[in-house]
Amino acid sequence: MAIFLRTRDELAEYFDGTRQMFSVPLLLEGSAFQKKVWRALLDIPYGEYVSYGDIAVAVGMQRKHARPVGTAVGQNPITIIVPCHRVLAGSGRLNGYTGGLDRKLALLQREGFDLH
């Protein structure tokens, strides 16, 4: 029960602007590739974003392998805490988010992202 309360508190702090990183322990369950991608997402700093190609490179693949990375990002079971909203298309445009693009944009704007 304590982990749920801690997670609730950390999410509340994130949404009120006082938390930029989460410290709750995570048990990521998926394929070895998915877990590698999800761990790479945890390295994206608050207020910054990367491309799917950047994540491919971070996990030891070529930039051109962005598509399988995008699939793994889309299967992230712990959105917000594992910040998949910080991944944009190579062109810098918004694309794909399990919660919808309006929520992705809202999360990015909360972190200081300027669409212009």
N, C-alpha and C. Protein backbone atom coordinates (compact mmCIF):
# COMPACT_ATOMS: atom_id res chain seq x y z
N MET A 1 0.82 -1.19 0.00
CA MET A 1 0.00 0.00 0.00
C MET A 1 0.87 1.27 0.00
N ALA A 2 2.00 1.20 0.66
CA ALA A 2 2.86 2.38 0.75
C ALA A 2 3.33 2.83 -0.63
N ILE A 3 3.61 1.89 -1.54
CA ILE A 3 4.08 2.26 -2.87
C ILE A 3 3.00 3.01 -3.65
N PHE A 4 1.74 2.64 -3.44
CA PHE A 4 0.66 3.34 -4.12
C PHE A 4 0.52 4.77 -3.60
N LEU A 5 0.66 4.94 -2.30
CA LEU A 5 0.58 6.28 -1.71
C LEU A 5 1.74 7.15 -2.18
N ARG A 6 2.91 6.55 -2.24
CA ARG A 6 4.10 7.29 -2.69
C ARG A 6 3.95 7.69 -4.16
N THR A 7 3.44 6.76 -4.97
CA THR A 7 3.23 7.05 -6.39
C THR A 7 2.20 8.16 -6.55
N ARG A 8 1.11 8.07 -5.80
CA ARG A 8 0.08 9.12 -5.84
C ARG A 8 0.68 10.48 -5.48
N ASP A 9 1.48 10.49 -4.42
CA ASP A 9 2.07 11.75 -3.96
C ASP A 9 3.04 12.32 -5.00
N GLU A 10 3.85 11.45 -5.60
CA GLU A 10 4.82 11.92 -6.60
C GLU A 10 4.11 12.44 -7.85
N LEU A 11 3.03 11.77 -8.26
CA LEU A 11 2.27 12.26 -9.41
C LEU A 11 1.62 13.60 -9.09
N ALA A 12 1.09 13.74 -7.89
CA ALA A 12 0.49 15.03 -7.48
C ALA A 12 1.55 16.13 -7.51
N GLU A 13 2.76 15.83 -7.04
CA GLU A 13 3.85 16.81 -7.06
C GLU A 13 4.23 17.16 -8.49
N TYR A 14 4.25 16.17 -9.37
CA TYR A 14 4.55 16.43 -10.78
C TYR A 14 3.52 17.40 -11.34
N PHE A 15 2.25 17.12 -11.09
CA PHE A 15 1.20 17.95 -11.67
C PHE A 15 1.09 19.32 -11.01
N ASP A 16 1.61 19.48 -9.79
CA ASP A 16 1.59 20.84 -9.23
C ASP A 16 2.92 21.57 -9.49
N GLY A 17 3.81 20.93 -10.23
CA GLY A 17 5.03 21.58 -10.68
C GLY A 17 6.20 21.51 -9.73
N THR A 18 6.12 20.71 -8.68
CA THR A 18 7.23 20.64 -7.72
C THR A 18 8.10 19.40 -7.90
N ARG A 19 7.76 18.52 -8.82
CA ARG A 19 8.57 17.31 -9.05
C ARG A 19 8.88 17.19 -10.54
N GLN A 20 10.17 16.94 -10.82
CA GLN A 20 10.59 16.75 -12.21
C GLN A 20 11.02 15.31 -12.49
N MET A 21 11.41 14.60 -11.45
CA MET A 21 11.83 13.20 -11.60
C MET A 21 11.08 12.36 -10.57
N PHE A 22 10.79 11.14 -10.96
CA PHE A 22 10.10 10.23 -10.06
C PHE A 22 11.12 9.31 -9.41
N SER A 23 10.86 8.94 -8.16
CA SER A 23 11.78 8.06 -7.44
C SER A 23 11.13 6.76 -7.01
N VAL A 24 9.87 6.55 -7.39
CA VAL A 24 9.22 5.30 -7.02
C VAL A 24 9.93 4.15 -7.74
N PRO A 25 10.11 3.02 -7.06
CA PRO A 25 10.74 1.88 -7.73
C PRO A 25 9.82 1.32 -8.81
N LEU A 26 10.41 0.92 -9.93
CA LEU A 26 9.64 0.41 -11.05
C LEU A 26 9.98 -1.05 -11.32
N LEU A 27 8.99 -1.82 -11.64
CA LEU A 27 9.18 -3.19 -12.10
C LEU A 27 8.65 -3.21 -13.52
N LEU A 28 9.56 -3.05 -14.47
CA LEU A 28 9.17 -3.02 -15.87
C LEU A 28 9.13 -4.45 -16.41
N GLU A 29 7.98 -4.86 -16.89
CA GLU A 29 7.83 -6.20 -17.42
C GLU A 29 7.51 -6.14 -18.89
N GLY A 30 8.36 -6.73 -19.69
CA GLY A 30 8.20 -6.75 -21.13
C GLY A 30 9.36 -7.51 -21.73
N SER A 31 9.51 -7.44 -23.03
CA SER A 31 10.65 -8.10 -23.68
C SER A 31 11.94 -7.35 -23.30
N ALA A 32 13.06 -7.99 -23.55
CA ALA A 32 14.35 -7.34 -23.27
C ALA A 32 14.46 -6.03 -24.04
N PHE A 33 14.00 -6.03 -25.29
CA PHE A 33 14.06 -4.82 -26.11
C PHE A 33 13.16 -3.73 -25.53
N GLN A 34 11.93 -4.08 -25.16
CA GLN A 34 11.02 -3.09 -24.59
C GLN A 34 11.63 -2.47 -23.34
N LYS A 35 12.16 -3.30 -22.46
CA LYS A 35 12.73 -2.77 -21.21
C LYS A 35 13.92 -1.86 -21.49
N LYS A 36 14.71 -2.18 -22.50
CA LYS A 36 15.84 -1.34 -22.87
C LYS A 36 15.34 0.04 -23.33
N VAL A 37 14.31 0.03 -24.16
CA VAL A 37 13.73 1.29 -24.64
C VAL A 37 13.13 2.07 -23.48
N TRP A 38 12.37 1.42 -22.63
CA TRP A 38 11.73 2.11 -21.51
C TRP A 38 12.75 2.70 -20.56
N ARG A 39 13.87 2.00 -20.35
CA ARG A 39 14.93 2.56 -19.50
C ARG A 39 15.53 3.80 -20.14
N ALA A 40 15.67 3.77 -21.47
CA ALA A 40 16.19 4.94 -22.19
C ALA A 40 15.25 6.13 -22.03
N LEU A 41 13.95 5.87 -21.97
CA LEU A 41 12.99 6.97 -21.77
C LEU A 41 13.22 7.63 -20.42
N LEU A 42 13.60 6.85 -19.43
CA LEU A 42 13.84 7.40 -18.09
C LEU A 42 15.01 8.38 -18.07
N ASP A 43 15.86 8.31 -19.10
CA ASP A 43 17.03 9.20 -19.16
C ASP A 43 16.73 10.54 -19.83
N ILE A 44 15.53 10.71 -20.36
CA ILE A 44 15.19 11.98 -21.02
C ILE A 44 14.86 13.00 -19.93
N PRO A 45 15.63 14.07 -19.85
CA PRO A 45 15.40 15.06 -18.80
C PRO A 45 14.05 15.76 -18.92
N TYR A 46 13.53 16.16 -17.81
CA TYR A 46 12.31 16.97 -17.71
C TYR A 46 12.48 18.20 -18.59
N GLY A 47 11.46 18.51 -19.37
CA GLY A 47 11.50 19.71 -20.19
C GLY A 47 12.23 19.54 -21.50
N GLU A 48 12.73 18.37 -21.78
CA GLU A 48 13.43 18.12 -23.04
C GLU A 48 12.70 17.03 -23.80
N TYR A 49 13.01 16.91 -25.07
CA TYR A 49 12.43 15.84 -25.85
C TYR A 49 13.48 15.29 -26.81
N VAL A 50 13.24 14.08 -27.28
CA VAL A 50 14.12 13.42 -28.23
C VAL A 50 13.25 12.80 -29.31
N SER A 51 13.89 12.30 -30.35
CA SER A 51 13.18 11.61 -31.42
C SER A 51 13.25 10.10 -31.21
N TYR A 52 12.41 9.39 -31.94
CA TYR A 52 12.46 7.94 -31.88
C TYR A 52 13.82 7.44 -32.36
N GLY A 53 14.39 8.13 -33.35
CA GLY A 53 15.73 7.78 -33.83
C GLY A 53 16.79 7.97 -32.76
N ASP A 54 16.64 9.02 -31.95
CA ASP A 54 17.58 9.25 -30.83
C ASP A 54 17.52 8.09 -29.84
N ILE A 55 16.31 7.60 -29.57
CA ILE A 55 16.17 6.47 -28.65
C ILE A 55 16.78 5.23 -29.27
N ALA A 56 16.60 5.03 -30.58
CA ALA A 56 17.22 3.88 -31.25
C ALA A 56 18.73 3.89 -31.03
N VAL A 57 19.34 5.04 -31.24
CA VAL A 57 20.79 5.17 -31.03
C VAL A 57 21.14 4.91 -29.57
N ALA A 58 20.34 5.41 -28.65
CA ALA A 58 20.61 5.25 -27.22
C ALA A 58 20.58 3.78 -26.79
N VAL A 59 19.81 2.96 -27.51
CA VAL A 59 19.74 1.54 -27.15
C VAL A 59 20.63 0.68 -28.03
N GLY A 60 21.55 1.31 -28.79
CA GLY A 60 22.54 0.57 -29.56
C GLY A 60 22.13 0.19 -30.97
N MET A 61 21.11 0.84 -31.49
CA MET A 61 20.66 0.57 -32.85
C MET A 61 20.98 1.76 -33.74
N GLN A 62 20.74 1.58 -35.02
CA GLN A 62 20.90 2.70 -35.95
C GLN A 62 19.65 3.57 -35.91
N ARG A 63 19.85 4.84 -36.19
CA ARG A 63 18.76 5.81 -36.18
C ARG A 63 17.59 5.35 -37.06
N LYS A 64 17.90 4.65 -38.15
CA LYS A 64 16.85 4.22 -39.08
C LYS A 64 15.90 3.17 -38.47
N HIS A 65 16.24 2.66 -37.30
CA HIS A 65 15.38 1.68 -36.64
C HIS A 65 14.39 2.33 -35.67
N ALA A 66 13.96 3.51 -36.02
CA ALA A 66 13.03 4.25 -35.16
C ALA A 66 11.67 3.56 -35.05
N ARG A 67 11.26 2.84 -36.08
CA ARG A 67 9.92 2.24 -36.07
C ARG A 67 9.75 1.20 -34.96
N PRO A 68 10.68 0.22 -34.80
CA PRO A 68 10.50 -0.71 -33.68
C PRO A 68 10.61 -0.02 -32.32
N VAL A 69 11.40 1.04 -32.26
CA VAL A 69 11.47 1.83 -31.02
C VAL A 69 10.11 2.46 -30.75
N GLY A 70 9.49 3.00 -31.79
CA GLY A 70 8.17 3.60 -31.64
C GLY A 70 7.13 2.60 -31.15
N THR A 71 7.24 1.37 -31.62
CA THR A 71 6.33 0.33 -31.15
C THR A 71 6.53 0.07 -29.66
N ALA A 72 7.79 -0.04 -29.25
CA ALA A 72 8.08 -0.27 -27.82
C ALA A 72 7.64 0.92 -26.97
N VAL A 73 7.87 2.12 -27.45
CA VAL A 73 7.45 3.32 -26.72
C VAL A 73 5.93 3.29 -26.54
N GLY A 74 5.22 2.91 -27.59
CA GLY A 74 3.76 2.85 -27.53
C GLY A 74 3.23 1.79 -26.59
N GLN A 75 4.07 0.84 -26.22
CA GLN A 75 3.66 -0.22 -25.30
C GLN A 75 4.09 0.04 -23.87
N ASN A 76 4.59 1.23 -23.61
CA ASN A 76 5.00 1.63 -22.27
C ASN A 76 3.81 1.53 -21.31
N PRO A 77 3.91 0.69 -20.28
CA PRO A 77 2.78 0.51 -19.37
C PRO A 77 2.69 1.55 -18.26
N ILE A 78 3.70 2.41 -18.13
CA ILE A 78 3.73 3.35 -17.00
C ILE A 78 3.97 4.76 -17.54
N THR A 79 3.00 5.25 -18.32
CA THR A 79 3.15 6.58 -18.91
C THR A 79 3.27 7.63 -17.81
N ILE A 80 3.82 8.74 -18.15
CA ILE A 80 4.15 9.88 -17.30
C ILE A 80 5.39 9.55 -16.47
N ILE A 81 5.34 8.50 -15.65
CA ILE A 81 6.51 8.14 -14.84
C ILE A 81 7.65 7.68 -15.73
N VAL A 82 7.35 6.85 -16.72
CA VAL A 82 8.30 6.52 -17.78
C VAL A 82 7.89 7.44 -18.94
N PRO A 83 8.61 8.55 -19.12
CA PRO A 83 8.10 9.69 -19.88
C PRO A 83 8.11 9.53 -21.41
N CYS A 84 7.25 8.68 -21.91
CA CYS A 84 7.17 8.49 -23.36
C CYS A 84 6.61 9.72 -24.06
N HIS A 85 5.97 10.61 -23.32
CA HIS A 85 5.46 11.84 -23.93
C HIS A 85 6.59 12.75 -24.40
N ARG A 86 7.81 12.49 -23.98
CA ARG A 86 8.97 13.32 -24.36
C ARG A 86 9.61 12.85 -25.67
N VAL A 87 8.98 11.92 -26.36
CA VAL A 87 9.50 11.43 -27.64
C VAL A 87 8.63 11.96 -28.76
N LEU A 88 9.27 12.63 -29.73
CA LEU A 88 8.58 13.22 -30.87
C LEU A 88 9.08 12.59 -32.16
N ALA A 89 8.37 12.84 -33.23
CA ALA A 89 8.82 12.39 -34.54
C ALA A 89 10.15 13.06 -34.87
N GLY A 90 10.87 12.48 -35.79
CA GLY A 90 12.18 13.03 -36.19
C GLY A 90 12.10 14.47 -36.64
N SER A 91 10.96 14.87 -37.17
CA SER A 91 10.78 16.24 -37.64
C SER A 91 10.49 17.21 -36.49
N GLY A 92 10.33 16.67 -35.28
CA GLY A 92 9.99 17.50 -34.13
C GLY A 92 8.50 17.68 -33.93
N ARG A 93 7.70 17.02 -34.77
CA ARG A 93 6.24 17.17 -34.63
C ARG A 93 5.69 16.14 -33.66
N LEU A 94 4.53 16.47 -33.11
CA LEU A 94 3.84 15.54 -32.21
C LEU A 94 3.30 14.37 -32.99
N ASN A 95 3.43 13.20 -32.42
CA ASN A 95 2.80 12.03 -33.02
C ASN A 95 2.61 10.98 -31.95
N GLY A 96 1.69 10.09 -32.17
CA GLY A 96 1.40 8.95 -31.34
C GLY A 96 1.60 9.09 -29.83
N TYR A 97 0.52 8.95 -29.11
CA TYR A 97 0.58 8.87 -27.66
C TYR A 97 -0.65 8.12 -27.20
N THR A 98 -0.44 7.13 -26.36
CA THR A 98 -1.53 6.28 -25.90
C THR A 98 -2.69 7.09 -25.34
N GLY A 99 -2.39 8.15 -24.63
CA GLY A 99 -3.42 8.98 -24.02
C GLY A 99 -4.01 10.02 -24.95
N GLY A 100 -3.55 10.07 -26.19
CA GLY A 100 -4.03 11.06 -27.15
C GLY A 100 -3.07 12.24 -27.27
N LEU A 101 -3.03 12.82 -28.44
CA LEU A 101 -2.09 13.93 -28.70
C LEU A 101 -2.38 15.15 -27.84
N ASP A 102 -3.65 15.37 -27.49
CA ASP A 102 -3.97 16.53 -26.65
C ASP A 102 -3.32 16.37 -25.27
N ARG A 103 -3.30 15.17 -24.74
CA ARG A 103 -2.66 14.94 -23.43
C ARG A 103 -1.14 15.01 -23.55
N LYS A 104 -0.61 14.48 -24.65
CA LYS A 104 0.84 14.56 -24.86
C LYS A 104 1.28 16.02 -24.89
N LEU A 105 0.55 16.83 -25.66
CA LEU A 105 0.88 18.25 -25.75
C LEU A 105 0.76 18.92 -24.39
N ALA A 106 -0.28 18.60 -23.64
CA ALA A 106 -0.46 19.20 -22.30
C ALA A 106 0.70 18.83 -21.38
N LEU A 107 1.16 17.58 -21.42
CA LEU A 107 2.29 17.18 -20.58
C LEU A 107 3.56 17.91 -21.00
N LEU A 108 3.80 18.00 -22.31
CA LEU A 108 4.98 18.71 -22.79
C LEU A 108 4.93 20.19 -22.42
N GLN A 109 3.78 20.81 -22.56
CA GLN A 109 3.65 22.23 -22.20
C GLN A 109 3.85 22.43 -20.71
N ARG A 110 3.37 21.50 -19.90
CA ARG A 110 3.57 21.56 -18.44
C ARG A 110 5.07 21.60 -18.13
N GLU A 111 5.86 20.94 -18.99
CA GLU A 111 7.31 20.88 -18.79
C GLU A 111 8.05 21.99 -19.54
N GLY A 112 7.31 22.93 -20.12
CA GLY A 112 7.93 24.08 -20.75
C GLY A 112 8.13 23.98 -22.25
N PHE A 113 7.59 22.94 -22.88
CA PHE A 113 7.72 22.77 -24.32
C PHE A 113 6.97 23.87 -25.05
N ASP A 114 7.64 24.48 -26.03
CA ASP A 114 7.01 25.53 -26.84
C ASP A 114 6.80 24.96 -28.24
N LEU A 115 5.56 24.87 -28.65
CA LEU A 115 5.22 24.29 -29.94
C LEU A 115 5.72 25.13 -31.11
N HIS A 116 6.00 26.39 -30.90
CA HIS A 116 6.40 27.28 -32.00
C HIS A 116 7.87 27.21 -32.26
